[in-house]
N, C-alpha and C. Protein backbone atom coordinates (compact mmCIF):
# COMPACT_ATOMS: atom_id res chain seq x y z
N MET A 1 198.27 -62.59 76.82
CA MET A 1 197.18 -63.55 76.98
C MET A 1 197.33 -64.27 78.32
N ASN A 2 196.23 -64.63 78.90
CA ASN A 2 196.21 -65.31 80.18
C ASN A 2 196.80 -66.71 80.06
N ALA A 3 197.55 -67.13 81.08
CA ALA A 3 198.17 -68.45 81.06
C ALA A 3 197.14 -69.57 81.11
N PHE A 4 195.92 -69.29 81.58
CA PHE A 4 194.89 -70.30 81.69
C PHE A 4 194.05 -70.43 80.42
N ALA A 5 194.24 -69.56 79.46
CA ALA A 5 193.39 -69.53 78.27
C ALA A 5 193.40 -70.86 77.52
N HIS A 6 194.52 -71.54 77.49
CA HIS A 6 194.58 -72.80 76.75
C HIS A 6 193.81 -73.92 77.44
N ARG A 7 193.46 -73.77 78.72
CA ARG A 7 192.73 -74.80 79.45
C ARG A 7 191.24 -74.53 79.53
N ARG A 8 190.77 -73.42 79.02
CA ARG A 8 189.36 -73.07 79.11
C ARG A 8 188.54 -73.83 78.09
N THR A 9 187.31 -74.18 78.50
CA THR A 9 186.42 -74.90 77.59
C THR A 9 185.47 -73.97 76.84
N SER A 10 185.36 -72.72 77.30
CA SER A 10 184.51 -71.76 76.61
C SER A 10 185.18 -70.40 76.58
N GLN A 11 184.84 -69.61 75.59
CA GLN A 11 185.47 -68.31 75.39
C GLN A 11 184.96 -67.28 76.38
N ARG A 12 185.85 -66.41 76.83
CA ARG A 12 185.49 -65.34 77.76
C ARG A 12 184.92 -64.14 77.01
N VAL A 13 183.96 -63.48 77.63
CA VAL A 13 183.38 -62.25 77.12
C VAL A 13 183.86 -61.13 78.03
N GLN A 14 184.50 -60.13 77.45
CA GLN A 14 184.96 -58.99 78.23
C GLN A 14 183.77 -58.08 78.51
N ALA A 15 183.54 -57.80 79.77
CA ALA A 15 182.45 -56.93 80.19
C ALA A 15 182.78 -56.39 81.57
N GLU A 16 182.29 -55.22 81.86
CA GLU A 16 182.52 -54.65 83.18
C GLU A 16 181.16 -54.35 83.80
N ALA A 17 180.93 -54.92 84.98
CA ALA A 17 179.64 -54.74 85.65
C ALA A 17 179.82 -54.90 87.15
N PRO A 18 179.01 -54.19 87.93
CA PRO A 18 179.08 -54.36 89.39
C PRO A 18 178.53 -55.72 89.80
N VAL A 19 179.10 -56.29 90.85
CA VAL A 19 178.62 -57.55 91.41
C VAL A 19 178.48 -57.41 92.92
N ILE A 20 177.59 -58.20 93.45
CA ILE A 20 177.49 -58.39 94.89
C ILE A 20 177.72 -59.87 95.13
N LEU A 21 178.64 -60.18 96.03
CA LEU A 21 178.85 -61.59 96.32
C LEU A 21 178.45 -61.88 97.75
N GLU A 22 177.88 -63.06 97.92
CA GLU A 22 177.49 -63.52 99.24
C GLU A 22 178.28 -64.77 99.56
N ASP A 23 178.95 -64.76 100.69
CA ASP A 23 179.65 -65.96 101.14
C ASP A 23 178.58 -66.96 101.55
N PHE A 24 178.53 -68.09 100.87
CA PHE A 24 177.48 -69.09 101.06
C PHE A 24 177.45 -69.59 102.51
N ARG A 25 178.61 -69.69 103.14
CA ARG A 25 178.70 -70.22 104.50
C ARG A 25 178.30 -69.21 105.57
N THR A 26 178.75 -67.95 105.42
CA THR A 26 178.50 -66.95 106.46
C THR A 26 177.28 -66.08 106.21
N GLY A 27 176.89 -65.92 104.93
CA GLY A 27 175.77 -65.06 104.60
C GLY A 27 176.13 -63.59 104.49
N PHE A 28 177.41 -63.24 104.64
CA PHE A 28 177.84 -61.84 104.52
C PHE A 28 177.92 -61.45 103.05
N TYR A 29 177.68 -60.14 102.78
CA TYR A 29 177.69 -59.60 101.42
C TYR A 29 178.90 -58.68 101.22
N TYR A 30 179.43 -58.69 100.00
CA TYR A 30 180.58 -57.86 99.63
C TYR A 30 180.37 -57.35 98.21
N ASP A 31 180.93 -56.19 97.91
CA ASP A 31 180.81 -55.65 96.55
C ASP A 31 182.06 -55.99 95.76
N GLY A 32 181.91 -55.89 94.46
CA GLY A 32 183.03 -56.16 93.57
C GLY A 32 182.70 -55.70 92.17
N ARG A 33 183.57 -56.07 91.23
CA ARG A 33 183.39 -55.67 89.83
C ARG A 33 183.79 -56.84 88.95
N LEU A 34 182.86 -57.26 88.09
CA LEU A 34 183.09 -58.33 87.13
C LEU A 34 183.82 -57.76 85.92
N TYR A 35 184.82 -58.49 85.41
CA TYR A 35 185.57 -58.02 84.24
C TYR A 35 185.47 -58.96 83.05
N ASN A 36 185.18 -60.23 83.28
CA ASN A 36 184.90 -61.12 82.15
C ASN A 36 184.12 -62.32 82.65
N TYR A 37 183.43 -62.99 81.72
CA TYR A 37 182.63 -64.15 82.08
C TYR A 37 182.51 -65.07 80.87
N SER A 38 182.08 -66.29 81.13
CA SER A 38 181.81 -67.26 80.09
C SER A 38 180.65 -68.13 80.55
N THR A 39 180.36 -69.18 79.82
CA THR A 39 179.30 -70.09 80.25
C THR A 39 179.74 -70.93 81.44
N ASP A 40 181.05 -70.98 81.73
CA ASP A 40 181.57 -71.81 82.81
C ASP A 40 181.97 -71.05 84.07
N GLY A 41 182.34 -69.78 83.93
CA GLY A 41 182.84 -69.05 85.09
C GLY A 41 183.14 -67.61 84.75
N GLY A 42 184.00 -66.99 85.56
CA GLY A 42 184.32 -65.60 85.32
C GLY A 42 185.44 -65.10 86.20
N TYR A 43 185.73 -63.81 86.04
CA TYR A 43 186.76 -63.14 86.82
C TYR A 43 186.20 -61.84 87.34
N PHE A 44 186.38 -61.59 88.65
CA PHE A 44 185.99 -60.32 89.22
C PHE A 44 186.99 -59.91 90.29
N GLU A 45 186.89 -58.66 90.70
CA GLU A 45 187.77 -58.11 91.73
C GLU A 45 186.92 -57.62 92.88
N SER A 46 187.47 -57.76 94.09
CA SER A 46 186.74 -57.40 95.30
C SER A 46 187.73 -57.11 96.42
N ARG A 47 187.23 -56.53 97.50
CA ARG A 47 188.04 -56.35 98.70
C ARG A 47 188.03 -57.61 99.56
N TYR A 48 187.12 -58.51 99.27
CA TYR A 48 186.97 -59.77 100.01
C TYR A 48 187.48 -60.90 99.14
N ALA A 49 188.23 -61.82 99.72
CA ALA A 49 188.80 -62.92 98.95
C ALA A 49 188.55 -64.25 99.63
N PRO A 50 187.40 -64.88 99.33
CA PRO A 50 187.16 -66.20 99.91
C PRO A 50 188.20 -67.21 99.41
N ARG A 51 188.47 -68.19 100.20
CA ARG A 51 189.47 -69.21 99.84
C ARG A 51 189.00 -70.05 98.66
N PRO A 52 189.94 -70.55 97.86
CA PRO A 52 189.57 -71.48 96.79
C PRO A 52 188.80 -72.67 97.37
N GLY A 53 187.75 -73.05 96.67
CA GLY A 53 186.87 -74.12 97.12
C GLY A 53 185.62 -73.61 97.82
N ARG A 54 185.61 -72.35 98.26
CA ARG A 54 184.47 -71.78 98.96
C ARG A 54 183.35 -71.51 97.97
N LYS A 55 182.11 -71.82 98.37
CA LYS A 55 180.93 -71.55 97.54
C LYS A 55 180.44 -70.14 97.84
N ILE A 56 180.07 -69.43 96.78
CA ILE A 56 179.56 -68.07 96.91
C ILE A 56 178.39 -67.88 95.95
N HIS A 57 177.52 -66.94 96.28
CA HIS A 57 176.50 -66.48 95.35
C HIS A 57 177.00 -65.18 94.74
N ILE A 58 176.82 -65.03 93.44
CA ILE A 58 177.21 -63.82 92.73
C ILE A 58 175.96 -63.22 92.11
N LYS A 59 175.70 -61.95 92.40
CA LYS A 59 174.60 -61.24 91.73
C LYS A 59 175.23 -60.22 90.80
N VAL A 60 174.95 -60.38 89.51
CA VAL A 60 175.51 -59.49 88.49
C VAL A 60 174.39 -58.65 87.91
N ASP A 61 174.62 -57.35 87.86
CA ASP A 61 173.63 -56.43 87.31
C ASP A 61 174.36 -55.47 86.37
N GLY A 62 173.74 -55.14 85.27
CA GLY A 62 174.31 -54.14 84.39
C GLY A 62 175.13 -54.68 83.23
N LEU A 63 174.98 -55.96 82.91
CA LEU A 63 175.67 -56.48 81.73
C LEU A 63 174.97 -55.99 80.47
N PRO A 64 175.73 -55.74 79.41
CA PRO A 64 175.10 -55.31 78.16
C PRO A 64 174.12 -56.37 77.65
N ASP A 65 173.01 -55.95 77.14
CA ASP A 65 171.98 -56.83 76.56
C ASP A 65 171.30 -57.75 77.57
N VAL A 66 171.53 -57.53 78.85
CA VAL A 66 170.85 -58.31 79.89
C VAL A 66 170.09 -57.32 80.77
N PHE A 67 168.79 -57.44 80.82
CA PHE A 67 167.98 -56.43 81.48
C PHE A 67 167.61 -56.77 82.92
N THR A 68 167.81 -58.01 83.33
CA THR A 68 167.51 -58.38 84.71
C THR A 68 168.77 -58.89 85.39
N PRO A 69 168.89 -58.68 86.69
CA PRO A 69 170.07 -59.21 87.41
C PRO A 69 170.09 -60.74 87.35
N HIS A 70 171.28 -61.29 87.33
CA HIS A 70 171.46 -62.74 87.34
C HIS A 70 172.17 -63.12 88.64
N VAL A 71 171.72 -64.20 89.26
CA VAL A 71 172.34 -64.71 90.47
C VAL A 71 172.89 -66.10 90.16
N TYR A 72 174.15 -66.33 90.51
CA TYR A 72 174.82 -67.59 90.23
C TYR A 72 175.40 -68.18 91.50
N LEU A 73 175.36 -69.48 91.62
CA LEU A 73 176.11 -70.19 92.65
C LEU A 73 177.44 -70.56 92.00
N ALA A 74 178.52 -70.22 92.65
CA ALA A 74 179.84 -70.45 92.06
C ALA A 74 180.81 -70.95 93.12
N GLU A 75 181.89 -71.54 92.65
CA GLU A 75 182.99 -71.96 93.52
C GLU A 75 184.21 -71.13 93.18
N VAL A 76 184.88 -70.63 94.20
CA VAL A 76 186.11 -69.88 93.98
C VAL A 76 187.19 -70.89 93.57
N ARG A 77 187.79 -70.67 92.41
CA ARG A 77 188.84 -71.57 91.91
C ARG A 77 190.22 -71.07 92.29
N TRP A 78 190.41 -69.75 92.26
CA TRP A 78 191.69 -69.17 92.64
C TRP A 78 191.49 -67.72 93.05
N ARG A 79 192.48 -67.18 93.75
CA ARG A 79 192.48 -65.78 94.15
C ARG A 79 193.91 -65.27 94.12
N LYS A 80 194.06 -63.98 93.86
CA LYS A 80 195.39 -63.39 93.86
C LYS A 80 195.29 -61.96 94.37
N PRO A 81 196.28 -61.53 95.15
CA PRO A 81 196.29 -60.13 95.59
C PRO A 81 196.63 -59.22 94.41
N LEU A 82 196.01 -58.06 94.37
CA LEU A 82 196.29 -57.08 93.33
C LEU A 82 197.26 -56.05 93.87
N SER A 83 197.99 -55.41 92.99
CA SER A 83 198.91 -54.37 93.44
C SER A 83 198.13 -53.21 94.04
N GLU A 84 198.74 -52.53 94.97
CA GLU A 84 198.06 -51.44 95.68
C GLU A 84 197.62 -50.31 94.76
N ASN A 85 198.34 -50.08 93.67
CA ASN A 85 198.00 -48.97 92.80
C ASN A 85 197.13 -49.39 91.60
N SER A 86 196.57 -50.62 91.63
CA SER A 86 195.77 -51.07 90.48
C SER A 86 194.38 -50.45 90.48
N ASN A 87 193.68 -50.47 91.59
CA ASN A 87 192.35 -49.85 91.72
C ASN A 87 191.90 -49.96 93.17
N SER A 88 190.62 -49.80 93.42
CA SER A 88 190.14 -49.82 94.79
C SER A 88 189.93 -51.23 95.35
N TYR A 89 190.04 -52.26 94.52
CA TYR A 89 189.87 -53.63 94.99
C TYR A 89 191.23 -54.25 95.29
N THR A 90 191.25 -55.19 96.21
CA THR A 90 192.51 -55.77 96.65
C THR A 90 192.77 -57.19 96.16
N TYR A 91 191.73 -57.88 95.64
CA TYR A 91 191.91 -59.25 95.20
C TYR A 91 191.24 -59.47 93.84
N GLY A 92 191.84 -60.33 93.05
CA GLY A 92 191.24 -60.85 91.83
C GLY A 92 190.83 -62.28 92.09
N LEU A 93 189.64 -62.67 91.64
CA LEU A 93 189.12 -64.02 91.89
C LEU A 93 188.63 -64.66 90.61
N GLY A 94 188.98 -65.92 90.42
CA GLY A 94 188.46 -66.72 89.33
C GLY A 94 187.41 -67.66 89.89
N ILE A 95 186.26 -67.73 89.24
CA ILE A 95 185.18 -68.57 89.74
C ILE A 95 184.70 -69.53 88.65
N LYS A 96 184.12 -70.63 89.10
CA LYS A 96 183.48 -71.60 88.22
C LYS A 96 182.05 -71.78 88.71
N TYR A 97 181.09 -71.68 87.80
CA TYR A 97 179.69 -71.84 88.19
C TYR A 97 179.42 -73.28 88.61
N CYS A 98 178.56 -73.44 89.61
CA CYS A 98 178.18 -74.78 90.09
C CYS A 98 176.90 -75.25 89.43
């Protein structure tokens, strides 16, 4: 179980979906993959790792039972490098919706 689970205010839903993130400050776009979400935030992996505190837009498409893409303004809460043999993404990011 995740070490942060005891501090969460809402339960996470496990889901895998592609995401596009936009750095709010620069306007650049990056791809990634969402692995879980809740009403407060989520976790995804990407090759780009904005610093904690940075505002980003997240566009999520392909969630089960959701037929239209959703765009969220979020703040990066934490980031961690992933092991080289984990997958094609290099960072894991935790976000909180604004």
